[in-house]
Protein backbone atom coordinates (compact mmCIF):
# COMPACT_ATOMS: atom_id res chain seq x y z
CA MET A 1 5.20 21.73 15.94
CA LYS A 2 7.95 20.49 18.23
CA ASP A 3 6.82 22.74 21.08
CA LEU A 4 3.27 21.53 20.57
CA ALA A 5 4.29 17.88 20.74
CA LEU A 6 6.48 18.36 23.80
CA GLY A 7 3.80 20.37 25.56
CA ALA A 8 1.23 17.64 24.96
CA LEU A 9 3.66 14.97 26.15
CA ASP A 10 4.28 16.89 29.35
CA ALA A 11 0.51 17.17 29.90
CA VAL A 12 0.24 13.37 30.26
CA ALA A 13 3.70 12.49 31.56
CA ARG A 14 3.38 14.60 34.68
CA ARG A 15 0.25 12.68 35.66
CA GLY A 16 2.23 9.47 35.95
CA VAL A 17 1.94 7.00 33.09
CA THR A 18 3.74 3.79 32.20
CA TYR A 19 4.39 5.12 28.70
CA ALA A 20 3.10 7.89 26.43
CA ASP A 21 3.71 9.22 22.94
CA VAL A 22 2.42 12.18 20.99
CA ARG A 23 2.15 12.87 17.25
CA ALA A 24 1.68 16.47 16.11
CA ILE A 25 0.79 16.33 12.41
CA GLU A 26 0.36 18.91 9.67
CA ILE A 27 -1.06 17.64 6.34
CA ARG A 28 -1.52 19.45 3.04
CA GLU A 29 -3.25 17.64 0.16
CA GLN A 30 -4.19 18.51 -3.41
CA GLU A 31 -6.27 16.48 -5.86
CA ILE A 32 -6.96 17.29 -9.50
CA THR A 33 -9.05 15.18 -11.88
CA THR A 34 -10.45 15.54 -15.38
CA LYS A 35 -13.32 13.77 -17.13
CA ASN A 36 -14.09 13.94 -20.85
CA GLY A 37 -12.41 17.26 -21.52
CA LYS A 38 -13.51 19.06 -18.38
CA ALA A 39 -12.14 19.55 -14.89
CA GLY A 40 -13.67 16.89 -12.68
CA HIS A 41 -12.46 17.68 -9.19
CA VAL A 42 -9.97 20.30 -8.04
CA SER A 43 -9.45 20.50 -4.31
CA SER A 44 -6.88 21.48 -1.73
CA SER A 45 -7.04 20.83 1.99
CA GLU A 46 -4.97 21.35 5.11
CA SER A 47 -5.24 19.69 8.49
CA VAL A 48 -3.37 20.21 11.75
CA GLY A 49 -3.89 18.30 14.97
CA ILE A 50 -2.39 16.20 17.70
CA GLY A 51 -2.88 12.61 18.84
CA ILE A 52 -2.01 11.49 22.38
CA ARG A 53 -1.52 7.82 23.26
CA VAL A 54 -0.95 6.65 26.82
CA LEU A 55 -0.36 3.37 28.62
CA ALA A 56 -1.68 3.86 32.14
CA PHE A 57 -3.58 1.87 34.76
CA GLY A 58 -2.58 -1.24 32.76
CA GLY A 59 -4.49 -0.20 29.61
CA TRP A 60 -4.22 1.95 26.49
CA GLY A 61 -5.90 5.30 26.06
CA PHE A 62 -5.96 7.56 23.01
CA ALA A 63 -7.42 10.98 22.31
CA ALA A 64 -6.90 13.59 19.59
CA THR A 65 -7.77 17.23 19.01
CA ASP A 66 -7.40 20.07 16.54
CA ASP A 67 -7.85 22.56 19.39
CA LEU A 68 -4.18 23.38 19.85
CA THR A 69 -4.63 25.81 22.72
CA LYS A 70 -3.21 24.85 26.09
CA GLU A 71 -6.73 24.11 27.29
CA GLY A 72 -7.49 21.94 24.23
CA VAL A 73 -4.34 19.87 24.66
CA GLU A 74 -4.96 19.44 28.40
CA SER A 75 -8.51 18.27 27.68
CA ALA A 76 -7.27 15.67 25.17
CA ALA A 77 -4.64 14.49 27.65
CA ASN A 78 -7.29 14.05 30.34
CA LEU A 79 -9.52 12.12 27.94
CA ALA A 80 -6.69 9.75 26.96
CA LEU A 81 -6.07 8.97 30.62
CA GLU A 82 -9.76 8.45 31.30
CA ILE A 83 -10.03 6.01 28.40
CA ALA A 84 -6.99 4.11 29.64
CA GLN A 85 -8.50 3.82 33.12
CA ALA A 86 -11.88 2.70 31.76
CA GLY A 87 -10.33 0.13 29.41
CA ALA A 88 -8.09 -1.34 32.09
CA ALA A 89 -11.08 -2.99 33.70
CA ALA A 90 -11.58 -5.14 30.58
CA ARG A 91 -7.96 -6.05 29.88
CA LYS A 92 -7.20 -9.74 29.58
CA ARG A 93 -3.46 -9.58 30.10
CA GLU A 94 -0.71 -7.19 31.07
CA VAL A 95 0.47 -4.91 28.29
CA LEU A 96 4.20 -5.30 27.67
CA LEU A 97 6.27 -3.33 25.17
CA ALA A 98 9.41 -4.53 23.43
CA PRO A 99 12.29 -2.22 24.38
CA GLU A 100 13.35 0.64 22.10
CA GLU A 101 16.03 3.28 22.11
CA LYS A 102 15.70 7.06 22.38
CA TYR A 103 16.06 8.91 19.06
CA GLU A 104 16.36 12.55 18.08
CA ALA A 105 16.16 13.06 14.33
CA THR A 106 14.92 15.24 11.48
CA TRP A 107 14.14 13.64 8.10
CA VAL A 108 12.63 14.84 4.82
CA SER A 109 11.85 12.43 1.98
CA PRO A 110 13.88 13.24 -1.15
CA PHE A 111 12.22 15.08 -4.04
CA SER A 112 13.36 17.17 -6.99
CA ILE A 113 10.30 19.36 -7.60
CA ASP A 114 8.00 20.51 -4.80
CA PRO A 115 4.57 19.51 -6.18
CA PHE A 116 2.95 22.48 -4.47
CA SER A 117 5.23 24.87 -6.36
CA ILE A 118 3.59 23.92 -9.68
CA PRO A 119 0.52 26.07 -10.51
CA VAL A 120 -2.83 24.30 -10.56
CA ASP A 121 -3.56 25.46 -14.11
CA GLN A 122 -0.34 23.82 -15.31
CA LYS A 123 -1.30 20.53 -13.70
CA LEU A 124 -4.84 20.76 -15.05
CA GLY A 125 -3.51 21.54 -18.52
CA ALA A 126 -1.30 18.44 -18.46
CA LEU A 127 -4.27 16.24 -17.51
CA LEU A 128 -6.54 17.78 -20.14
CA ALA A 129 -3.89 17.08 -22.80
CA VAL A 130 -3.91 13.41 -21.79
CA ASP A 131 -7.71 13.44 -21.74
CA ALA A 132 -7.85 14.87 -25.28
CA GLU A 133 -5.36 12.27 -26.56
CA LEU A 134 -7.47 9.44 -25.11
CA ARG A 135 -10.68 10.74 -26.70
CA HIS A 136 -8.93 11.15 -30.05
CA THR A 137 -9.30 7.37 -30.48
CA PRO A 138 -12.76 6.48 -31.92
CA GLY A 139 -14.69 4.25 -29.55
CA VAL A 140 -13.44 5.75 -26.27
CA SER A 141 -16.56 6.60 -24.29
CA LEU A 142 -15.00 8.05 -21.16
CA ALA A 143 -11.56 9.46 -20.41
CA GLU A 144 -10.42 10.16 -16.88
CA ALA A 145 -7.09 11.44 -15.58
CA SER A 146 -5.89 12.44 -12.12
CA MET A 147 -3.07 13.76 -9.96
CA HIS A 148 -2.72 13.64 -6.19
CA PHE A 149 -0.12 15.31 -3.99
CA GLU A 150 0.50 15.30 -0.26
CA ARG A 151 2.92 16.90 2.16
CA ARG A 152 2.84 15.47 5.68
CA ARG A 153 4.99 16.73 8.53
CA GLN A 154 4.90 14.81 11.80
CA VAL A 155 6.68 15.49 15.06
CA PHE A 156 6.76 12.46 17.35
CA ALA A 157 7.69 12.69 21.03
CA SER A 158 7.63 9.95 23.64
CA THR A 159 8.43 9.37 27.29
CA LEU A 160 11.48 7.40 26.13
CA GLY A 161 12.93 10.82 25.27
CA SER A 162 12.55 10.52 21.50
CA VAL A 163 11.82 13.62 19.42
CA ILE A 164 11.49 12.82 15.70
CA ASP A 165 10.56 15.35 13.00
CA GLN A 166 9.63 13.73 9.67
CA THR A 167 8.27 15.24 6.45
CA ARG A 168 7.07 13.05 3.58
CA TYR A 169 6.15 14.19 0.07
CA LEU A 170 3.82 11.92 -1.91
CA SER A 171 2.79 12.21 -5.56
CA GLY A 172 0.49 10.14 -7.76
CA ALA A 173 -0.86 10.33 -11.31
CA GLY A 174 -2.57 8.18 -13.92
CA PHE A 175 -5.43 7.87 -16.39
CA THR A 176 -8.14 5.48 -17.57
CA ALA A 177 -9.81 5.00 -20.94
CA LEU A 178 -13.22 3.29 -20.98
CA SER A 179 -15.09 2.02 -24.01
CA TYR A 180 -18.79 1.09 -24.01
CA GLN A 181 -20.18 -1.06 -26.83
CA GLU A 182 -23.25 -3.31 -27.00
CA GLY A 183 -23.79 -3.40 -23.25
CA GLU A 184 -20.16 -4.12 -22.38
CA ILE A 185 -17.54 -1.85 -20.80
CA GLN A 186 -13.83 -2.38 -21.36
CA LYS A 187 -11.12 -0.28 -19.78
CA ARG A 188 -7.39 0.29 -19.82
CA SER A 189 -5.58 2.09 -17.03
CA TYR A 190 -2.07 3.52 -16.98
CA PRO A 191 0.39 3.03 -15.42
CA SER A 192 -1.75 0.97 -13.06
CA SER A 193 -5.36 0.88 -11.90
CA PHE A 194 -6.79 2.72 -8.86
CA GLY A 195 -5.42 6.13 -9.81
CA GLY A 196 -2.14 5.14 -11.44
CA GLN A 197 1.30 5.13 -9.85
CA TYR A 198 2.05 6.64 -6.42
CA GLN A 199 5.48 7.12 -4.91
CA LEU A 200 7.35 9.12 -2.30
CA LYS A 201 8.50 11.74 -4.80
CA GLY A 202 7.79 15.27 -5.95
CA TYR A 203 6.23 16.47 -9.19
CA GLU A 204 9.06 14.80 -11.11
CA LEU A 205 7.06 11.56 -10.89
CA VAL A 206 4.48 13.00 -13.29
CA ASP A 207 7.17 13.62 -15.89
CA GLU A 208 8.68 10.16 -15.35
CA LEU A 209 5.36 8.42 -16.03
CA ARG A 210 5.08 9.81 -19.60
CA LEU A 211 1.31 9.88 -19.46
CA LEU A 212 0.73 11.65 -22.77
CA GLU A 213 3.10 9.33 -24.63
CA ASN A 214 1.24 6.22 -23.44
CA ALA A 215 -2.32 7.52 -23.89
CA PRO A 216 -2.82 6.41 -27.54
CA ARG A 217 -1.82 2.80 -26.84
CA MET A 218 -4.10 2.50 -23.82
CA ALA A 219 -7.05 4.02 -25.69
CA GLU A 220 -6.57 1.69 -28.65
CA GLU A 221 -6.40 -1.36 -26.38
CA ALA A 222 -9.59 -0.37 -24.53
CA VAL A 223 -11.48 -0.25 -27.83
CA ALA A 224 -9.83 -3.36 -29.29
CA LEU A 225 -10.83 -5.46 -26.27
CA HIS A 226 -14.44 -5.52 -27.52
CA LYS A 227 -13.36 -7.60 -30.52
CA ALA A 228 -10.94 -9.77 -28.54
CA ASP A 229 -11.73 -13.39 -27.70
CA GLN A 230 -13.00 -14.23 -24.24
CA CYS A 231 -10.28 -15.52 -21.92
CA PRO A 232 -10.41 -19.33 -21.95
CA GLU A 233 -11.26 -21.29 -18.83
CA GLY A 234 -9.05 -24.03 -17.46
CA GLU A 235 -5.60 -24.69 -16.02
CA PHE A 236 -2.82 -22.76 -17.71
CA ASP A 237 0.66 -21.54 -16.98
CA LEU A 238 0.15 -17.90 -16.02
CA ILE A 239 2.40 -14.89 -16.47
CA VAL A 240 1.51 -11.87 -14.33
CA ASP A 241 2.75 -8.32 -14.94
CA SER A 242 4.42 -6.46 -12.08
CA SER A 243 1.54 -4.10 -11.20
CA GLN A 244 -0.97 -6.96 -10.85
CA LEU A 245 1.61 -8.96 -8.94
CA GLY A 246 1.95 -6.00 -6.56
CA LEU A 247 -1.74 -6.34 -5.64
CA GLN A 248 -1.36 -10.12 -5.38
CA ILE A 249 1.43 -9.54 -2.84
CA HIS A 250 -0.70 -7.00 -0.99
CA GLU A 251 -3.66 -9.33 -0.54
CA SER A 252 -2.11 -12.80 -0.21
CA ILE A 253 1.09 -11.90 1.68
CA GLY A 254 0.86 -8.37 3.07
CA HIS A 255 -2.38 -8.65 5.03
CA PRO A 256 -1.77 -12.17 6.40
CA ILE A 257 1.59 -11.15 7.96
CA GLU A 258 0.07 -8.33 10.05
CA LEU A 259 0.60 -9.80 13.52
CA ASP A 260 -2.39 -8.06 15.10
CA ARG A 261 -4.64 -9.99 12.69
CA VAL A 262 -2.89 -13.23 13.61
CA LEU A 263 -3.35 -12.56 17.34
CA GLY A 264 -7.03 -11.68 16.87
CA THR A 265 -6.88 -8.05 17.99
CA GLU A 266 -7.78 -6.74 14.52
CA ALA A 267 -10.21 -8.06 11.92
CA ASN A 268 -11.84 -5.05 10.26
CA TYR A 269 -11.84 -4.66 6.47
CA ALA A 270 -9.63 -7.64 5.72
CA GLY A 271 -10.44 -10.32 8.27
CA MET A 272 -7.80 -12.18 10.22
CA SER A 273 -5.08 -14.53 8.91
CA PHE A 274 -4.33 -18.14 8.10
CA LEU A 275 -0.70 -17.53 9.18
CA THR A 276 -1.04 -18.66 12.78
CA LEU A 277 2.06 -18.67 14.98
CA ASP A 278 2.74 -22.37 14.45
CA HIS A 279 3.51 -21.63 10.77
CA LEU A 280 6.49 -19.36 11.52
CA ASP A 281 9.75 -20.87 10.25
CA ARG A 282 7.84 -24.00 9.18
CA LEU A 283 5.41 -23.15 6.38
CA ARG A 284 6.49 -23.61 2.77
CA TYR A 285 4.86 -20.37 1.57
CA GLY A 286 6.33 -20.40 -1.95
CA SER A 287 8.77 -22.08 -4.26
CA GLU A 288 12.53 -21.82 -3.68
CA ILE A 289 12.81 -18.71 -5.87
CA VAL A 290 10.21 -16.72 -3.87
CA ASN A 291 11.82 -14.17 -1.54
CA VAL A 292 9.68 -11.43 0.02
CA VAL A 293 10.80 -8.59 2.28
CA CYS A 294 9.06 -5.96 4.40
CA ASP A 295 11.30 -2.91 3.97
CA ALA A 296 10.59 0.69 5.00
CA ARG A 297 14.11 1.95 4.35
CA LEU A 298 14.80 4.58 1.72
CA GLU A 299 17.34 2.33 0.01
CA HIS A 300 14.49 -0.06 -0.87
CA GLY A 301 12.93 2.71 -2.95
CA PRO A 302 10.53 5.68 -2.80
CA GLY A 303 7.54 3.59 -1.75
CA LEU A 304 4.40 4.67 0.07
CA GLY A 305 5.67 2.50 2.92
CA THR A 306 9.02 4.31 3.11
CA PHE A 307 9.90 6.41 6.17
CA ALA A 308 12.67 7.02 8.71
CA PHE A 309 10.70 6.04 11.85
CA ASP A 310 7.30 4.47 12.37
CA ASP A 311 4.59 5.97 14.61
CA GLU A 312 6.06 4.36 17.73
CA GLY A 313 9.46 5.93 17.12
CA VAL A 314 10.99 2.67 15.85
CA PRO A 315 13.54 3.09 13.03
CA ALA A 316 12.73 1.87 9.53
CA GLN A 317 13.98 -1.65 8.91
CA GLY A 318 14.23 -4.30 6.24
CA ASN A 319 13.12 -7.77 7.26
CA ASP A 320 12.71 -11.08 5.46
CA ILE A 321 9.14 -12.37 5.29
CA ILE A 322 9.64 -15.29 2.92
CA ARG A 323 13.17 -16.61 2.45
CA ASN A 324 13.73 -19.18 -0.31
CA GLY A 325 10.05 -20.01 -0.11
CA ARG A 326 9.86 -20.45 3.67
CA PHE A 327 7.75 -18.18 5.90
CA VAL A 328 10.10 -16.47 8.37
CA GLY A 329 8.57 -13.22 9.65
CA TYR A 330 5.59 -11.05 10.58
CA MET A 331 5.07 -7.30 10.67
CA THR A 332 5.02 -6.23 14.32
CA SER A 333 4.53 -3.44 16.83
CA ARG A 334 6.27 -3.03 20.18
CA GLU A 335 3.31 -4.68 21.92
CA THR A 336 2.83 -7.63 19.53
CA ALA A 337 6.58 -8.27 19.33
CA ALA A 338 6.70 -8.60 23.11
CA GLU A 339 3.62 -10.82 23.11
CA VAL A 340 5.26 -13.40 20.85
CA GLY A 341 8.63 -13.21 22.61
CA GLN A 342 10.54 -11.12 20.08
CA SER A 343 13.15 -8.70 21.37
CA ARG A 344 12.19 -5.75 19.18
CA SER A 345 9.44 -4.37 16.94
CA ASN A 346 10.29 -4.28 13.24
CA GLY A 347 8.68 -0.86 12.92
CA CYS A 348 5.33 -1.27 11.19
CA MET A 349 3.02 0.93 13.29
CA ARG A 350 1.36 3.76 11.35
CA ALA A 351 -1.76 5.93 11.53
CA ASP A 352 -3.36 7.79 8.62
CA GLY A 353 -3.61 11.05 10.56
CA TRP A 354 -3.48 12.79 13.90
CA GLY A 355 -7.01 11.67 14.77
CA ARG A 356 -6.34 7.94 14.56
CA LEU A 357 -4.54 5.36 16.70
CA PRO A 358 -1.50 3.71 15.07
CA LEU A 359 -2.02 0.16 13.76
CA ILE A 360 0.27 -2.43 12.23
CA ARG A 361 0.34 -1.46 8.54
CA MET A 362 2.23 -2.72 5.54
CA THR A 363 5.38 -0.80 4.70
CA ASN A 364 6.93 -1.90 1.38
CA VAL A 365 6.16 -5.61 1.08
CA SER A 366 8.05 -6.66 -2.03
CA LEU A 367 8.95 -9.73 -4.05
CA LYS A 368 12.67 -9.67 -4.72
CA PRO A 369 13.62 -9.79 -8.40
CA GLY A 370 14.65 -13.10 -9.86
CA GLU A 371 17.49 -14.16 -12.09
CA GLN A 372 15.59 -14.65 -15.35
CA SER A 373 15.40 -12.23 -18.25
CA LEU A 374 11.94 -11.11 -19.39
CA GLU A 375 12.39 -13.28 -22.48
CA GLU A 376 13.02 -16.31 -20.26
CA VAL A 377 9.86 -15.61 -18.24
CA PHE A 378 7.86 -15.66 -21.48
CA ASP A 379 9.81 -18.56 -22.97
CA ILE A 380 7.12 -21.24 -22.69
CA GLY A 381 5.10 -23.21 -25.19
CA HIS A 382 1.66 -22.05 -24.01
CA ALA A 383 0.58 -19.58 -21.30
CA ILE A 384 -1.81 -16.76 -20.49
CA TYR A 385 -0.37 -13.31 -19.70
CA MET A 386 -2.41 -10.78 -17.69
CA GLU A 387 -1.95 -7.07 -17.03
CA THR A 388 -3.50 -4.44 -14.72
CA ASN A 389 -5.98 -5.29 -11.98
CA LYS A 390 -9.71 -4.86 -12.57
CA SER A 391 -11.22 -6.72 -9.61
CA TRP A 392 -10.19 -8.71 -6.57
CA SER A 393 -11.72 -10.96 -3.95
CA ILE A 394 -10.11 -12.86 -1.08
CA ASP A 395 -11.56 -14.57 1.99
CA ASP A 396 -11.29 -13.27 5.55
CA LYS A 397 -8.27 -15.48 6.32
CA ARG A 398 -6.47 -14.31 3.14
CA TYR A 399 -6.36 -17.82 1.75
CA ASN A 400 -8.73 -18.27 -1.21
CA PHE A 401 -8.59 -15.53 -3.84
CA GLN A 402 -9.83 -14.49 -7.27
CA PHE A 403 -8.48 -11.62 -9.38
CA GLY A 404 -9.72 -10.10 -12.62
CA CYS A 405 -7.45 -8.12 -14.95
CA GLU A 406 -8.10 -5.54 -17.65
CA ILE A 407 -6.34 -7.34 -20.49
CA GLY A 408 -4.80 -10.70 -21.27
CA TRP A 409 -2.77 -12.28 -24.04
CA GLU A 410 -2.35 -15.85 -25.17
CA ILE A 411 1.34 -16.75 -25.32
CA ARG A 412 2.66 -19.35 -27.77
CA ASN A 413 6.37 -20.16 -27.81
CA GLY A 414 7.21 -16.89 -26.08
CA LYS A 415 5.10 -14.67 -28.39
CA ARG A 416 1.77 -12.91 -27.95
CA VAL A 417 -0.60 -14.49 -30.47
CA ARG A 418 -3.98 -13.03 -29.53
CA MET A 419 -5.58 -10.49 -27.18
CA LEU A 420 -8.00 -11.80 -24.54
CA LYS A 421 -10.75 -9.89 -22.76
CA ASN A 422 -12.08 -10.37 -19.24
CA PRO A 423 -9.13 -12.45 -18.00
CA SER A 424 -9.17 -13.76 -14.45
CA TYR A 425 -7.39 -16.27 -12.26
CA SER A 426 -7.99 -17.85 -8.86
CA GLY A 427 -6.29 -20.05 -6.31
CA ILE A 428 -5.07 -20.59 -2.77
CA SER A 429 -2.37 -18.25 -1.51
CA THR A 430 0.29 -20.82 -0.61
CA GLU A 431 -0.42 -23.03 -3.64
CA PHE A 432 -0.11 -20.01 -5.93
CA TRP A 433 3.27 -18.90 -4.59
CA ASN A 434 4.55 -22.48 -4.59
CA ALA A 435 3.71 -22.61 -8.30
CA CYS A 436 6.11 -19.76 -9.10
CA THR A 437 8.65 -20.97 -11.69
CA ALA A 438 10.27 -17.78 -13.00
CA ILE A 439 10.75 -14.16 -11.88
CA ALA A 440 12.22 -11.44 -14.09
CA GLY A 441 15.37 -9.64 -12.99
CA PRO A 442 16.03 -6.24 -11.37
CA GLN A 443 15.78 -4.24 -14.61
CA HIS A 444 12.06 -5.15 -14.78
CA TRP A 445 11.34 -4.57 -11.06
CA THR A 446 8.98 -1.70 -10.15
CA LEU A 447 7.97 -0.42 -6.70
CA TRP A 448 4.23 0.17 -7.05
CA GLY A 449 2.15 2.36 -4.76
CA VAL A 450 -1.25 1.25 -3.40
CA PRO A 451 -2.77 4.46 -1.96
CA ASN A 452 -6.05 3.08 -0.64
CA CYS A 453 -5.47 0.19 1.77
CA GLY A 454 -8.23 0.18 4.39
CA LYS A 455 -7.97 -1.17 7.92
CA GLY A 456 -9.41 -0.53 11.36
CA GLN A 457 -12.65 0.82 12.74
CA PRO A 458 -13.04 3.76 12.27
CA GLU A 459 -11.47 3.05 8.89
CA GLN A 460 -7.94 4.23 8.22
CA VAL A 461 -6.78 4.54 4.60
CA MET A 462 -3.04 4.07 4.18
CA GLY A 463 -0.57 3.95 1.31
CA THR A 464 1.60 0.85 0.94
CA GLY A 465 4.38 -0.14 -1.46
CA HIS A 466 4.89 -3.39 -3.36
CA GLY A 467 7.87 -4.13 -5.57
CA ALA A 468 7.68 -6.87 -8.18
CA SER A 469 8.96 -8.05 -11.55
CA PRO A 470 6.78 -10.01 -14.01
CA ALA A 471 6.62 -13.66 -12.95
CA ARG A 472 5.37 -17.01 -14.22
CA PHE A 473 3.28 -19.59 -12.33
CA ARG A 474 2.56 -23.23 -13.20
CA LYS A 475 -0.97 -24.62 -13.78
CA ILE A 476 -3.16 -21.86 -12.37
CA LYS A 477 -6.97 -21.80 -12.65
CA VAL A 478 -7.74 -19.23 -15.32
CA GLY A 479 -11.09 -17.79 -16.46
CA GLY A 480 -14.41 -18.35 -14.77
CA ALA A 481 -14.80 -14.96 -13.09
CA TYR A 482 -16.66 -13.41 -16.02
CA ALA A 483 -19.35 -14.97 -18.15
């Protein structure tokens, strides 16, 4: 892989370029699903290729190939240069890159059990056991369970002299119980929706999640929701569980702070951003207790946004985004950092494979834990508590939003007094975060994985991480999303 990357870099560097980098990537993936007592989908795939990015003639060029012969690499190098030359005619300004150092490194994400060392029939058997436990509850109409594993090795080389060899192991698992009665579907997902929990770990994550142990409770809740009262509509104090809060962070903080959206060079799949440059260091984004970081370092946790170096060869960093409620930072690339006068990229450029151009992507965008106990978060006369995302909607500037959750509870004097079905809430991003009045402490903080964030055209699907503890918000619009 290293020889391949260096050979491709030489193929463009000797032609005379302002800058060039190469990513040689080898990906192995495995997905296993079950549905109502049967195997749903069992697949394994491997992919190897190389992506070449050049800055030449004043413009960017990119080409990729899975033809790893000398001729194939030379052809891709030629195409990248041709694209750069063609695009230079349409450039509006000179491309400048924030400076970066040369790095030589090898890094492997920590894991205890190689997920590809576990036989497929053992994994399938574990999922079928969860499936059977879900269907043991009368009223469950559909049981689904899944596991996903990935090993990705990438060798990055650039004309700065960097040669970086990184390998990341990713695991994910979860299940869903659905109940259909009288024309209505209710569902409960564990440990989160959209496939469950994903982290930068090995097979040990599956054991940590205790899927089988939690299956009966989730199945019973899915059925019980049919008899639950409809979530009331009005203004209520709202308590949000950490997994739902992770998605709230993703949509109302993570996407708006992508600097390419702010500058107007990217708008696909999530629009642009209300966080224009004049808001930096001025906007009151949240209340005084709201502190949000963008952190790709391993010490932040095994998130899907954790790595040693980004896809421009910039080291992983931890940066404040919201400090004591004030907006203080964007996610940047070398080019966007230079454009706004910053001295260095904060290392947020990533691509979802060798065939795609790196974009600014969320790393681990997390809400720091607060100082309250969980009991103190719930210690309120009257509130609505919501768990597990079911639906989401947010405008193309990431400002007005509406979220639906799988289950809710009415809280009276700190206690759950009744289950609520079809809960939802809505608001404006900055007003919502300014309404935050309590955040649970570190012992309740979880780093959630969102494996399916889409961006770019052609679409790139990327995993991101979001850490959060349960939190309480004052006078939020609740209900209204579902009849």
